[in-house]
PDB file of N, CA and C in Angstrom:
ATOM      1  N   UNK A   1     171.847 145.787   2.278  1.00  0.00           N
ATOM      2  CA  UNK A   1     172.092 144.930   3.423  1.00  0.00           C
ATOM      3  C   UNK A   1     172.996 145.643   4.417  1.00  0.00           C
ATOM      4  N   UNK A   2     172.736 145.353   5.658  1.00  0.00           N
ATOM      5  CA  UNK A   2     173.552 145.971   6.695  1.00  0.00           C
ATOM      6  C   UNK A   2     174.812 145.137   6.931  1.00  0.00           C
ATOM      7  N   UNK A   3     175.751 145.726   7.634  1.00  0.00           N
ATOM      8  CA  UNK A   3     176.995 145.026   7.955  1.00  0.00           C
ATOM      9  C   UNK A   3     176.727 143.784   8.794  1.00  0.00           C
ATOM     10  N   UNK A   4     175.748 143.879   9.653  1.00  0.00           N
ATOM     11  CA  UNK A   4     175.399 142.745  10.521  1.00  0.00           C
ATOM     12  C   UNK A   4     174.931 141.551   9.682  1.00  0.00           C
ATOM     13  N   UNK A   5     174.058 141.801   8.694  1.00  0.00           N
ATOM     14  CA  UNK A   5     173.555 140.722   7.843  1.00  0.00           C
ATOM     15  C   UNK A   5     174.663 140.109   7.003  1.00  0.00           C
ATOM     16  N   UNK A   6     175.537 140.953   6.481  1.00  0.00           N
ATOM     17  CA  UNK A   6     176.662 140.452   5.687  1.00  0.00           C
ATOM     18  C   UNK A   6     177.581 139.565   6.544  1.00  0.00           C
ATOM     19  N   UNK A   7     177.843 140.002   7.741  1.00  0.00           N
ATOM     20  CA  UNK A   7     178.692 139.215   8.657  1.00  0.00           C
ATOM     21  C   UNK A   7     178.039 137.877   8.990  1.00  0.00           C
ATOM     22  N   UNK A   8     176.713 137.909   9.216  1.00  0.00           N
ATOM     23  CA  UNK A   8     175.986 136.680   9.523  1.00  0.00           C
ATOM     24  C   UNK A   8     176.030 135.713   8.334  1.00  0.00           C
ATOM     25  N   UNK A   9     175.839 136.211   7.125  1.00  0.00           N
ATOM     26  CA  UNK A   9     175.897 135.374   5.930  1.00  0.00           C
ATOM     27  C   UNK A   9     177.302 134.797   5.716  1.00  0.00           C
ATOM     28  N   UNK A  10     178.310 135.640   5.985  1.00  0.00           N
ATOM     29  CA  UNK A  10     179.693 135.176   5.826  1.00  0.00           C
ATOM     30  C   UNK A  10     179.997 134.044   6.809  1.00  0.00           C
ATOM     31  N   UNK A  11     179.567 134.202   8.058  1.00  0.00           N
ATOM     32  CA  UNK A  11     179.788 133.154   9.067  1.00  0.00           C
ATOM     33  C   UNK A  11     179.032 131.877   8.713  1.00  0.00           C
ATOM     34  N   UNK A  12     177.821 132.046   8.212  1.00  0.00           N
ATOM     35  CA  UNK A  12     177.017 130.902   7.820  1.00  0.00           C
ATOM     36  C   UNK A  12     177.709 130.131   6.685  1.00  0.00           C
ATOM     37  N   UNK A  13     178.212 130.876   5.716  1.00  0.00           N
ATOM     38  CA  UNK A  13     178.911 130.254   4.578  1.00  0.00           C
ATOM     39  C   UNK A  13     180.181 129.553   5.034  1.00  0.00           C
ATOM     40  N   UNK A  14     180.927 130.163   5.944  1.00  0.00           N
ATOM     41  CA  UNK A  14     182.140 129.527   6.473  1.00  0.00           C
ATOM     42  C   UNK A  14     181.808 128.243   7.226  1.00  0.00           C
ATOM     43  N   UNK A  15     180.725 128.241   7.970  1.00  0.00           N
ATOM     44  CA  UNK A  15     180.306 127.035   8.684  1.00  0.00           C
ATOM     45  C   UNK A  15     179.948 125.923   7.705  1.00  0.00           C
ATOM     46  N   UNK A  16     179.263 126.263   6.623  1.00  0.00           N
ATOM     47  CA  UNK A  16     178.910 125.262   5.613  1.00  0.00           C
ATOM     48  C   UNK A  16     180.152 124.685   4.958  1.00  0.00           C
ATOM     49  N   UNK A  17     181.100 125.542   4.621  1.00  0.00           N
ATOM     50  CA  UNK A  17     182.346 125.073   4.005  1.00  0.00           C
ATOM     51  C   UNK A  17     183.137 124.181   4.963  1.00  0.00           C
ATOM     52  N   UNK A  18     183.144 124.546   6.237  1.00  0.00           N
ATOM     53  CA  UNK A  18     183.837 123.732   7.232  1.00  0.00           C
ATOM     54  C   UNK A  18     183.222 122.348   7.351  1.00  0.00           C
ATOM     55  N   UNK A  19     181.898 122.279   7.365  1.00  0.00           N
ATOM     56  CA  UNK A  19     181.217 120.980   7.436  1.00  0.00           C
ATOM     57  C   UNK A  19     181.520 120.136   6.214  1.00  0.00           C
ATOM     58  N   UNK A  20     181.481 120.760   5.038  1.00  0.00           N
ATOM     59  CA  UNK A  20     181.768 120.036   3.801  1.00  0.00           C
ATOM     60  C   UNK A  20     183.201 119.501   3.802  1.00  0.00           C
ATOM     61  N   UNK A  21     184.139 120.320   4.266  1.00  0.00           N
ATOM     62  CA  UNK A  21     185.536 119.916   4.333  1.00  0.00           C
ATOM     63  C   UNK A  21     185.705 118.694   5.248  1.00  0.00           C
ATOM     64  N   UNK A  22     185.023 118.702   6.399  1.00  0.00           N
ATOM     65  CA  UNK A  22     185.116 117.577   7.325  1.00  0.00           C
ATOM     66  C   UNK A  22     184.513 116.313   6.737  1.00  0.00           C
ATOM     67  N   UNK A  23     183.375 116.407   6.081  1.00  0.00           N
ATOM     68  CA  UNK A  23     182.752 115.205   5.515  1.00  0.00           C
ATOM     69  C   UNK A  23     183.572 114.653   4.358  1.00  0.00           C
ATOM     70  N   UNK A  24     184.178 115.524   3.536  1.00  0.00           N
ATOM     71  CA  UNK A  24     185.030 115.052   2.448  1.00  0.00           C
ATOM     72  C   UNK A  24     186.271 114.360   3.003  1.00  0.00           C
ATOM     73  N   UNK A  25     186.823 114.886   4.080  1.00  0.00           N
ATOM     74  CA  UNK A  25     187.983 114.263   4.714  1.00  0.00           C
ATOM     75  C   UNK A  25     187.650 112.884   5.245  1.00  0.00           C
ATOM     76  N   UNK A  26     186.468 112.737   5.830  1.00  0.00           N
ATOM     77  CA  UNK A  26     186.049 111.430   6.342  1.00  0.00           C
ATOM     78  C   UNK A  26     185.849 110.442   5.205  1.00  0.00           C
ATOM     79  N   UNK A  27     185.281 110.907   4.087  1.00  0.00           N
ATOM     80  CA  UNK A  27     185.068 110.033   2.944  1.00  0.00           C
ATOM     81  C   UNK A  27     186.401 109.548   2.380  1.00  0.00           C
ATOM     82  N   UNK A  28     187.372 110.442   2.283  1.00  0.00           N
ATOM     83  CA  UNK A  28     188.695 110.053   1.783  1.00  0.00           C
ATOM     84  C   UNK A  28     189.347 109.048   2.724  1.00  0.00           C
ATOM     85  N   UNK A  29     189.195 109.266   4.025  1.00  0.00           N
ATOM     86  CA  UNK A  29     189.765 108.358   5.010  1.00  0.00           C
ATOM     87  C   UNK A  29     189.135 106.976   4.893  1.00  0.00           C
ATOM     88  N   UNK A  30     187.809 106.928   4.720  1.00  0.00           N
ATOM     89  CA  UNK A  30     187.118 105.653   4.548  1.00  0.00           C
ATOM     90  C   UNK A  30     187.592 104.962   3.277  1.00  0.00           C
ATOM     91  N   UNK A  31     187.785 105.736   2.215  1.00  0.00           N
ATOM     92  CA  UNK A  31     188.281 105.172   0.957  1.00  0.00           C
ATOM     93  C   UNK A  31     189.670 104.588   1.118  1.00  0.00           C
ATOM     94  N   UNK A  32     190.525 105.260   1.875  1.00  0.00           N
ATOM     95  CA  UNK A  32     191.876 104.758   2.121  1.00  0.00           C
ATOM     96  C   UNK A  32     191.825 103.456   2.917  1.00  0.00           C
ATOM     97  N   UNK A  33     190.928 103.389   3.905  1.00  0.00           N
ATOM     98  CA  UNK A  33     190.792 102.168   4.695  1.00  0.00           C
ATOM     99  C   UNK A  33     190.347 101.016   3.811  1.00  0.00           C
ATOM    100  N   UNK A  34     189.393 101.300   2.912  1.00  0.00           N
ATOM    101  CA  UNK A  34     188.905 100.256   2.005  1.00  0.00           C
ATOM    102  C   UNK A  34     190.040  99.755   1.118  1.00  0.00           C
ATOM    103  N   UNK A  35     190.866 100.660   0.612  1.00  0.00           N
ATOM    104  CA  UNK A  35     191.975 100.262  -0.254  1.00  0.00           C
ATOM    105  C   UNK A  35     192.980  99.392   0.488  1.00  0.00           C
ATOM    106  N   UNK A  36     193.252  99.737   1.731  1.00  0.00           N
ATOM    107  CA  UNK A  36     194.185  98.925   2.527  1.00  0.00           C
ATOM    108  C   UNK A  36     193.604  97.535   2.745  1.00  0.00           C
ATOM    109  N   UNK A  37     192.306  97.473   3.074  1.00  0.00           N
ATOM    110  CA  UNK A  37     191.684  96.172   3.294  1.00  0.00           C
ATOM    111  C   UNK A  37     191.605  95.367   1.998  1.00  0.00           C
ATOM    112  N   UNK A  38     191.444  96.023   0.862  1.00  0.00           N
ATOM    113  CA  UNK A  38     191.425  95.317  -0.421  1.00  0.00           C
ATOM    114  C   UNK A  38     192.745  94.612  -0.680  1.00  0.00           C
ATOM    115  N   UNK A  39     193.841  95.235  -0.264  1.00  0.00           N
ATOM    116  CA  UNK A  39     195.155  94.611  -0.448  1.00  0.00           C
ATOM    117  C   UNK A  39     195.348  93.436   0.493  1.00  0.00           C
ATOM    118  N   UNK A  40     194.740  93.500   1.668  1.00  0.00           N
ATOM    119  CA  UNK A  40     194.989  92.509   2.713  1.00  0.00           C
ATOM    120  C   UNK A  40     194.023  91.326   2.631  1.00  0.00           C
ATOM    121  N   UNK A  41     192.767  91.579   2.332  1.00  0.00           N
ATOM    122  CA  UNK A  41     191.759  90.515   2.340  1.00  0.00           C
ATOM    123  C   UNK A  41     191.915  89.608   1.120  1.00  0.00           C
ATOM    124  N   UNK A  42     191.889  88.313   1.362  1.00  0.00           N
ATOM    125  CA  UNK A  42     191.919  87.306   0.295  1.00  0.00           C
ATOM    126  C   UNK A  42     190.792  86.313   0.537  1.00  0.00           C
ATOM    127  N   UNK A  43     190.507  85.507  -0.466  1.00  0.00           N
ATOM    128  CA  UNK A  43     189.473  84.471  -0.409  1.00  0.00           C
ATOM    129  C   UNK A  43     188.122  85.080  -0.021  1.00  0.00           C
ATOM    130  N   UNK A  44     187.515  84.551   1.028  1.00  0.00           N
ATOM    131  CA  UNK A  44     186.169  84.971   1.426  1.00  0.00           C
ATOM    132  C   UNK A  44     186.187  85.965   2.587  1.00  0.00           C
ATOM    133  N   UNK A  45     187.277  86.669   2.769  1.00  0.00           N
ATOM    134  CA  UNK A  45     187.397  87.595   3.893  1.00  0.00           C
ATOM    135  C   UNK A  45     186.361  88.712   3.810  1.00  0.00           C
ATOM    136  N   UNK A  46     186.087  89.213   2.605  1.00  0.00           N
ATOM    137  CA  UNK A  46     185.085  90.274   2.474  1.00  0.00           C
ATOM    138  C   UNK A  46     183.718  89.772   2.869  1.00  0.00           C
ATOM    139  N   UNK A  47     183.404  88.536   2.529  1.00  0.00           N
ATOM    140  CA  UNK A  47     182.105  87.967   2.895  1.00  0.00           C
ATOM    141  C   UNK A  47     181.951  87.913   4.411  1.00  0.00           C
ATOM    142  N   UNK A  48     182.997  87.459   5.082  1.00  0.00           N
ATOM    143  CA  UNK A  48     182.967  87.378   6.549  1.00  0.00           C
ATOM    144  C   UNK A  48     182.911  88.777   7.151  1.00  0.00           C
ATOM    145  N   UNK A  49     183.697  89.706   6.622  1.00  0.00           N
ATOM    146  CA  UNK A  49     183.725  91.063   7.169  1.00  0.00           C
ATOM    147  C   UNK A  49     182.386  91.755   6.963  1.00  0.00           C
ATOM    148  N   UNK A  50     181.781  91.615   5.786  1.00  0.00           N
ATOM    149  CA  UNK A  50     180.480  92.243   5.528  1.00  0.00           C
ATOM    150  C   UNK A  50     179.392  91.659   6.420  1.00  0.00           C
ATOM    151  N   UNK A  51     179.439  90.347   6.671  1.00  0.00           N
ATOM    152  CA  UNK A  51     178.473  89.733   7.585  1.00  0.00           C
ATOM    153  C   UNK A  51     178.676  90.280   9.001  1.00  0.00           C
ATOM    154  N   UNK A  52     179.925  90.453   9.391  1.00  0.00           N
ATOM    155  CA  UNK A  52     180.230  91.017  10.709  1.00  0.00           C
ATOM    156  C   UNK A  52     179.713  92.444  10.802  1.00  0.00           C
ATOM    157  N   UNK A  53     179.899  93.195   9.731  1.00  0.00           N
ATOM    158  CA  UNK A  53     179.451  94.584   9.715  1.00  0.00           C
ATOM    159  C   UNK A  53     177.932  94.671   9.844  1.00  0.00           C
ATOM    160  N   UNK A  54     177.227  93.749   9.223  1.00  0.00           N
ATOM    161  CA  UNK A  54     175.769  93.763   9.289  1.00  0.00           C
ATOM    162  C   UNK A  54     175.263  93.364  10.674  1.00  0.00           C
ATOM    163  N   UNK A  55     175.970  92.440  11.330  1.00  0.00           N
ATOM    164  CA  UNK A  55     175.502  91.910  12.603  1.00  0.00           C
ATOM    165  C   UNK A  55     176.067  92.649  13.810  1.00  0.00           C
ATOM    166  N   UNK A  56     177.285  93.122  13.708  1.00  0.00           N
ATOM    167  CA  UNK A  56     177.960  93.819  14.819  1.00  0.00           C
ATOM    168  C   UNK A  56     178.646  95.083  14.277  1.00  0.00           C
ATOM    169  N   UNK A  57     177.910  96.137  13.950  1.00  0.00           N
ATOM    170  CA  UNK A  57     178.518  97.299  13.289  1.00  0.00           C
ATOM    171  C   UNK A  57     179.599  98.014  14.107  1.00  0.00           C
ATOM    172  N   UNK A  58     179.405  98.152  15.412  1.00  0.00           N
ATOM    173  CA  UNK A  58     180.413  98.868  16.217  1.00  0.00           C
ATOM    174  C   UNK A  58     181.711  98.079  16.283  1.00  0.00           C
ATOM    175  N   UNK A  59     181.596  96.797  16.497  1.00  0.00           N
ATOM    176  CA  UNK A  59     182.789  95.946  16.592  1.00  0.00           C
ATOM    177  C   UNK A  59     183.487  95.869  15.242  1.00  0.00           C
ATOM    178  N   UNK A  60     182.718  95.827  14.165  1.00  0.00           N
ATOM    179  CA  UNK A  60     183.302  95.758  12.825  1.00  0.00           C
ATOM    180  C   UNK A  60     184.121  97.014  12.534  1.00  0.00           C
ATOM    181  N   UNK A  61     183.643  98.161  12.974  1.00  0.00           N
ATOM    182  CA  UNK A  61     184.383  99.402  12.744  1.00  0.00           C
ATOM    183  C   UNK A  61     185.702  99.404  13.520  1.00  0.00           C
ATOM    184  N   UNK A  62     185.663  98.945  14.761  1.00  0.00           N
ATOM    185  CA  UNK A  62     186.900  98.854  15.548  1.00  0.00           C
ATOM    186  C   UNK A  62     187.862  97.853  14.921  1.00  0.00           C
ATOM    187  N   UNK A  63     187.322  96.724  14.472  1.00  0.00           N
ATOM    188  CA  UNK A  63     188.146  95.700  13.829  1.00  0.00           C
ATOM    189  C   UNK A  63     188.774  96.243  12.553  1.00  0.00           C
ATOM    190  N   UNK A  64     187.997  97.017  11.779  1.00  0.00           N
ATOM    191  CA  UNK A  64     188.524  97.610  10.544  1.00  0.00           C
ATOM    192  C   UNK A  64     189.714  98.512  10.863  1.00  0.00           C
ATOM    193  N   UNK A  65     189.567  99.362  11.885  1.00  0.00           N
ATOM    194  CA  UNK A  65     190.657 100.270  12.245  1.00  0.00           C
ATOM    195  C   UNK A  65     191.899  99.512  12.671  1.00  0.00           C
ATOM    196  N   UNK A  66     191.719  98.460  13.446  1.00  0.00           N
ATOM    197  CA  UNK A  66     192.864  97.669  13.909  1.00  0.00           C
ATOM    198  C   UNK A  66     193.541  96.973  12.727  1.00  0.00           C
ATOM    199  N   UNK A  67     192.745  96.386  11.835  1.00  0.00           N
ATOM    200  CA  UNK A  67     193.321  95.703  10.673  1.00  0.00           C
ATOM    201  C   UNK A  67     194.067  96.681   9.766  1.00  0.00           C
ATOM    202  N   UNK A  68     193.522  97.875   9.603  1.00  0.00           N
ATOM    203  CA  UNK A  68     194.188  98.886   8.774  1.00  0.00           C
ATOM    204  C   UNK A  68     195.516  99.291   9.408  1.00  0.00           C
ATOM    205  N   UNK A  69     195.530  99.467  10.723  1.00  0.00           N
ATOM    206  CA  UNK A  69     196.783  99.817  11.408  1.00  0.00           C
ATOM    207  C   UNK A  69     197.825  98.726  11.228  1.00  0.00           C
ATOM    208  N   UNK A  70     197.411  97.471  11.433  1.00  0.00           N
ATOM    209  CA  UNK A  70     198.348  96.353  11.308  1.00  0.00           C
ATOM    210  C   UNK A  70     198.857  96.207   9.880  1.00  0.00           C
ATOM    211  N   UNK A  71     197.974  96.382   8.918  1.00  0.00           N
ATOM    212  CA  UNK A  71     198.378  96.266   7.519  1.00  0.00           C
ATOM    213  C   UNK A  71     199.292  97.419   7.110  1.00  0.00           C
ATOM    214  N   UNK A  72     199.003  98.609   7.582  1.00  0.00           N
ATOM    215  CA  UNK A  72     199.827  99.771   7.248  1.00  0.00           C
ATOM    216  C   UNK A  72     201.223  99.665   7.836  1.00  0.00           C
ATOM    217  N   UNK A  73     201.326  99.062   9.013  1.00  0.00           N
ATOM    218  CA  UNK A  73     202.644  98.911   9.639  1.00  0.00           C
ATOM    219  C   UNK A  73     203.386  97.685   9.108  1.00  0.00           C
ATOM    220  N   UNK A  74     202.722  96.873   8.296  1.00  0.00           N
ATOM    221  CA  UNK A  74     203.378  95.707   7.707  1.00  0.00           C
ATOM    222  C   UNK A  74     203.347  94.467   8.580  1.00  0.00           C
ATOM    223  N   UNK A  75     202.602  94.486   9.657  1.00  0.00           N
ATOM    224  CA  UNK A  75     202.552  93.334  10.557  1.00  0.00           C
ATOM    225  C   UNK A  75     201.696  92.207   9.991  1.00  0.00           C
ATOM    226  N   UNK A  76     200.734  92.533   9.136  1.00  0.00           N
ATOM    227  CA  UNK A  76     199.974  91.497   8.439  1.00  0.00           C
ATOM    228  C   UNK A  76     200.010  91.806   6.945  1.00  0.00           C
ATOM    229  N   UNK A  77     200.079  90.743   6.145  1.00  0.00           N
ATOM    230  CA  UNK A  77     200.123  90.927   4.694  1.00  0.00           C
ATOM    231  C   UNK A  77     198.863  90.415   4.025  1.00  0.00           C
ATOM    232  N   UNK A  78     198.229  89.424   4.622  1.00  0.00           N
ATOM    233  CA  UNK A  78     196.966  88.939   4.073  1.00  0.00           C
ATOM    234  C   UNK A  78     196.133  88.304   5.177  1.00  0.00           C
ATOM    235  N   UNK A  79     194.822  88.356   4.991  1.00  0.00           N
ATOM    236  CA  UNK A  79     193.873  87.763   5.932  1.00  0.00           C
ATOM    237  C   UNK A  79     192.843  87.012   5.100  1.00  0.00           C
ATOM    238  N   UNK A  80     192.725  85.721   5.338  1.00  0.00           N
ATOM    239  CA  UNK A  80     191.729  84.933   4.614  1.00  0.00           C
ATOM    240  C   UNK A  80     190.413  84.959   5.383  1.00  0.00           C
ATOM    241  N   UNK A  81     189.371  84.496   4.744  1.00  0.00           N
ATOM    242  CA  UNK A  81     188.067  84.439   5.379  1.00  0.00           C
ATOM    243  C   UNK A  81     188.071  83.527   6.588  1.00  0.00           C
ATOM    244  N   UNK A  82     188.784  82.414   6.477  1.00  0.00           N
ATOM    245  CA  UNK A  82     188.870  81.472   7.593  1.00  0.00           C
ATOM    246  C   UNK A  82     189.567  82.094   8.788  1.00  0.00           C
ATOM    247  N   UNK A  83     190.651  82.804   8.542  1.00  0.00           N
ATOM    248  CA  UNK A  83     191.388  83.437   9.640  1.00  0.00           C
ATOM    249  C   UNK A  83     190.543  84.509  10.326  1.00  0.00           C
ATOM    250  N   UNK A  84     189.838  85.286   9.530  1.00  0.00           N
ATOM    251  CA  UNK A  84     188.993  86.329  10.094  1.00  0.00           C
ATOM    252  C   UNK A  84     187.842  85.717  10.896  1.00  0.00           C
ATOM    253  N   UNK A  85     187.246  84.675  10.367  1.00  0.00           N
ATOM    254  CA  UNK A  85     186.152  84.003  11.072  1.00  0.00           C
ATOM    255  C   UNK A  85     186.659  83.402  12.388  1.00  0.00           C
ATOM    256  N   UNK A  86     187.839  82.789  12.353  1.00  0.00           N
ATOM    257  CA  UNK A  86     188.432  82.203  13.559  1.00  0.00           C
ATOM    258  C   UNK A  86     188.717  83.286  14.601  1.00  0.00           C
ATOM    259  N   UNK A  87     189.213  84.427  14.158  1.00  0.00           N
ATOM    260  CA  UNK A  87     189.480  85.546  15.067  1.00  0.00           C
ATOM    261  C   UNK A  87     188.189  86.019  15.731  1.00  0.00           C
ATOM    262  N   UNK A  88     187.143  86.141  14.950  1.00  0.00           N
ATOM    263  CA  UNK A  88     185.855  86.582  15.497  1.00  0.00           C
ATOM    264  C   UNK A  88     185.299  85.563  16.489  1.00  0.00           C
ATOM    265  N   UNK A  89     185.463  84.290  16.189  1.00  0.00           N
ATOM    266  CA  UNK A  89     185.007  83.244  17.121  1.00  0.00           C
ATOM    267  C   UNK A  89     185.804  83.303  18.424  1.00  0.00           C
ATOM    268  N   UNK A  90     187.102  83.551  18.329  1.00  0.00           N
ATOM    269  CA  UNK A  90     187.936  83.676  19.534  1.00  0.00           C
ATOM    270  C   UNK A  90     187.521  84.889  20.371  1.00  0.00           C
ATOM    271  N   UNK A  91     186.992  85.909  19.703  1.00  0.00           N
ATOM    272  CA  UNK A  91     186.510  87.098  20.404  1.00  0.00           C
ATOM    273  C   UNK A  91     185.140  86.857  21.028  1.00  0.00           C
ATOM    274  N   UNK A  92     184.533  85.734  20.709  1.00  0.00           N
ATOM    275  CA  UNK A  92     183.234  85.395  21.275  1.00  0.00           C
ATOM    276  C   UNK A  92     182.056  85.816  20.418  1.00  0.00           C
ATOM    277  N   UNK A  93     182.311  86.152  19.170  1.00  0.00           N
ATOM    278  CA  UNK A  93     181.244  86.584  18.267  1.00  0.00           C
ATOM    279  C   UNK A  93     180.837  85.427  17.358  1.00  0.00           C
ATOM    280  N   UNK A  94     179.556  85.196  17.290  1.00  0.00           N
ATOM    281  CA  UNK A  94     179.032  84.167  16.396  1.00  0.00           C
ATOM    282  C   UNK A  94     178.500  84.858  15.146  1.00  0.00           C
ATOM    283  N   UNK A  95     179.322  84.941  14.147  1.00  0.00           N
ATOM    284  CA  UNK A  95     178.927  85.576  12.892  1.00  0.00           C
ATOM    285  C   UNK A  95     178.239  84.520  12.040  1.00  0.00           C
ATOM    286  N   UNK A  96     177.002  84.820  11.659  1.00  0.00           N
ATOM    287  CA  UNK A  96     176.236  83.879  10.845  1.00  0.00           C
ATOM    288  C   UNK A  96     176.500  84.184   9.372  1.00  0.00           C
ATOM    289  N   UNK A  97     176.967  83.168   8.665  1.00  0.00           N
ATOM    290  CA  UNK A  97     177.228  83.299   7.242  1.00  0.00           C
ATOM    291  C   UNK A  97     176.178  82.525   6.464  1.00  0.00           C
ATOM    292  N   UNK A  98     175.857  83.017   5.289  1.00  0.00           N
ATOM    293  CA  UNK A  98     174.904  82.317   4.442  1.00  0.00           C
ATOM    294  C   UNK A  98     175.620  81.099   3.842  1.00  0.00           C
ATOM    295  N   UNK A  99     175.080  79.928   4.090  1.00  0.00           N
ATOM    296  CA  UNK A  99     175.681  78.707   3.556  1.00  0.00           C
ATOM    297  C   UNK A  99     174.649  77.954   2.733  1.00  0.00           C
ATOM    298  N   UNK A 100     175.111  77.337   1.677  1.00  0.00           N
ATOM    299  CA  UNK A 100     174.252  76.506   0.847  1.00  0.00           C
ATOM    300  C   UNK A 100     174.977  75.201   0.551  1.00  0.00           C
ATOM    301  N   UNK A 101     174.199  74.141   0.453  1.00  0.00           N
ATOM    302  CA  UNK A 101     174.754  72.839   0.087  1.00  0.00           C
ATOM    303  C   UNK A 101     174.297  72.552  -1.333  1.00  0.00           C
ATOM    304  N   UNK A 102     175.267  72.323  -2.216  1.00  0.00           N
ATOM    305  CA  UNK A 102     174.941  72.022  -3.602  1.00  0.00           C
ATOM    306  C   UNK A 102     175.626  70.718  -3.990  1.00  0.00           C
ATOM    307  N   UNK A 103     174.940  69.969  -4.830  1.00  0.00           N
ATOM    308  CA  UNK A 103     175.421  68.664  -5.253  1.00  0.00           C
ATOM    309  C   UNK A 103     175.655  68.709  -6.755  1.00  0.00           C
ATOM    310  N   UNK A 104     176.796  68.195  -7.177  1.00  0.00           N
ATOM    311  CA  UNK A 104     177.088  68.151  -8.604  1.00  0.00           C
ATOM    312  C   UNK A 104     176.675  66.785  -9.122  1.00  0.00           C
ATOM    313  N   UNK A 105     175.750  66.803 -10.063  1.00  0.00           N
ATOM    314  CA  UNK A 105     175.241  65.552 -10.615  1.00  0.00           C
ATOM    315  C   UNK A 105     175.107  65.717 -12.122  1.00  0.00           C
ATOM    316  N   UNK A 106     175.759  64.862 -12.861  1.00  0.00           N
ATOM    317  CA  UNK A 106     175.727  64.892 -14.332  1.00  0.00           C
ATOM    318  C   UNK A 106     176.174  66.256 -14.867  1.00  0.00           C
ATOM    319  N   UNK A 107     177.190  66.819 -14.259  1.00  0.00           N
ATOM    320  CA  UNK A 107     177.747  68.089 -14.713  1.00  0.00           C
ATOM    321  C   UNK A 107     176.912  69.307 -14.375  1.00  0.00           C
ATOM    322  N   UNK A 108     175.903  69.134 -13.546  1.00  0.00           N
ATOM    323  CA  UNK A 108     175.021  70.245 -13.185  1.00  0.00           C
ATOM    324  C   UNK A 108     174.968  70.376 -11.665  1.00  0.00           C
ATOM    325  N   UNK A 109     175.044  71.608 -11.161  1.00  0.00           N
ATOM    326  CA  UNK A 109     174.944  71.836  -9.727  1.00  0.00           C
ATOM    327  C   UNK A 109     173.475  71.959  -9.338  1.00  0.00           C
ATOM    328  N   UNK A 110     173.084  71.196  -8.326  1.00  0.00           N
ATOM    329  CA  UNK A 110     171.718  71.239  -7.816  1.00  0.00           C
ATOM    330  C   UNK A 110     171.764  71.583  -6.334  1.00  0.00           C
ATOM    331  N   UNK A 111     170.774  72.348  -5.909  1.00  0.00           N
ATOM    332  CA  UNK A 111     170.688  72.632  -4.482  1.00  0.00           C
ATOM    333  C   UNK A 111     170.170  71.390  -3.777  1.00  0.00           C
ATOM    334  N   UNK A 112     170.352  71.352  -2.488  1.00  0.00           N
ATOM    335  CA  UNK A 112     169.912  70.210  -1.706  1.00  0.00           C
ATOM    336  C   UNK A 112     168.392  70.045  -1.793  1.00  0.00           C
ATOM    337  N   UNK A 113     167.658  71.149  -1.827  1.00  0.00           N
ATOM    338  CA  UNK A 113     166.199  71.064  -1.927  1.00  0.00           C
ATOM    339  C   UNK A 113     165.773  70.493  -3.274  1.00  0.00           C
ATOM    340  N   UNK A 114     166.466  70.865  -4.363  1.00  0.00           N
ATOM    341  CA  UNK A 114     166.168  70.290  -5.673  1.00  0.00           C
ATOM    342  C   UNK A 114     166.421  68.782  -5.674  1.00  0.00           C
ATOM    343  N   UNK A 115     167.511  68.388  -5.079  1.00  0.00           N
ATOM    344  CA  UNK A 115     167.869  66.972  -5.034  1.00  0.00           C
ATOM    345  C   UNK A 115     166.828  66.172  -4.246  1.00  0.00           C
ATOM    346  N   UNK A 116     166.336  66.741  -3.168  1.00  0.00           N
ATOM    347  CA  UNK A 116     165.361  66.011  -2.342  1.00  0.00           C
ATOM    348  C   UNK A 116     163.994  65.959  -3.024  1.00  0.00           C
ATOM    349  N   UNK A 117     163.663  66.940  -3.876  1.00  0.00           N
ATOM    350  CA  UNK A 117     162.396  66.938  -4.575  1.00  0.00           C
ATOM    351  C   UNK A 117     162.349  65.905  -5.689  1.00  0.00           C
ATOM    352  N   UNK A 118     163.504  65.518  -6.203  1.00  0.00           N
ATOM    353  CA  UNK A 118     163.555  64.538  -7.288  1.00  0.00           C
ATOM    354  C   UNK A 118     163.039  63.182  -6.803  1.00  0.00           C
ATOM    355  N   UNK A 119     162.368  62.510  -7.705  1.00  0.00           N
ATOM    356  CA  UNK A 119     161.900  61.175  -7.379  1.00  0.00           C
ATOM    357  C   UNK A 119     162.986  60.172  -7.722  1.00  0.00           C
ATOM    358  N   UNK A 120     163.185  59.159  -6.878  1.00  0.00           N
ATOM    359  CA  UNK A 120     164.260  58.191  -7.145  1.00  0.00           C
ATOM    360  C   UNK A 120     164.031  57.325  -8.359  1.00  0.00           C
TER     361      UNK A 120
END
């Protein structure tokens, strides 16, 4: 191999290592954000946040960064699902959550459709 080919291979390898280093750093950063949110989110906050992420991904990412900053600085200690949903509504976002109505009858939970199918 010539010196030129060796230099080209060396540069190529350095570029690959640099890319890998950047992606690993981003993964660690995302993991740290998740850990901070795990400490802060209570009740159904994850359900609301995941629904927001599915429906408004760009806004959810910005919201995640802001919540992580506030939690890291100690300005917030916990966020419930209701508080997060209320915040999103105040921002003008209509986050659709999966809701079900269930009725407890004779110690058994029945969905509303099951209850309506029953004959009186």
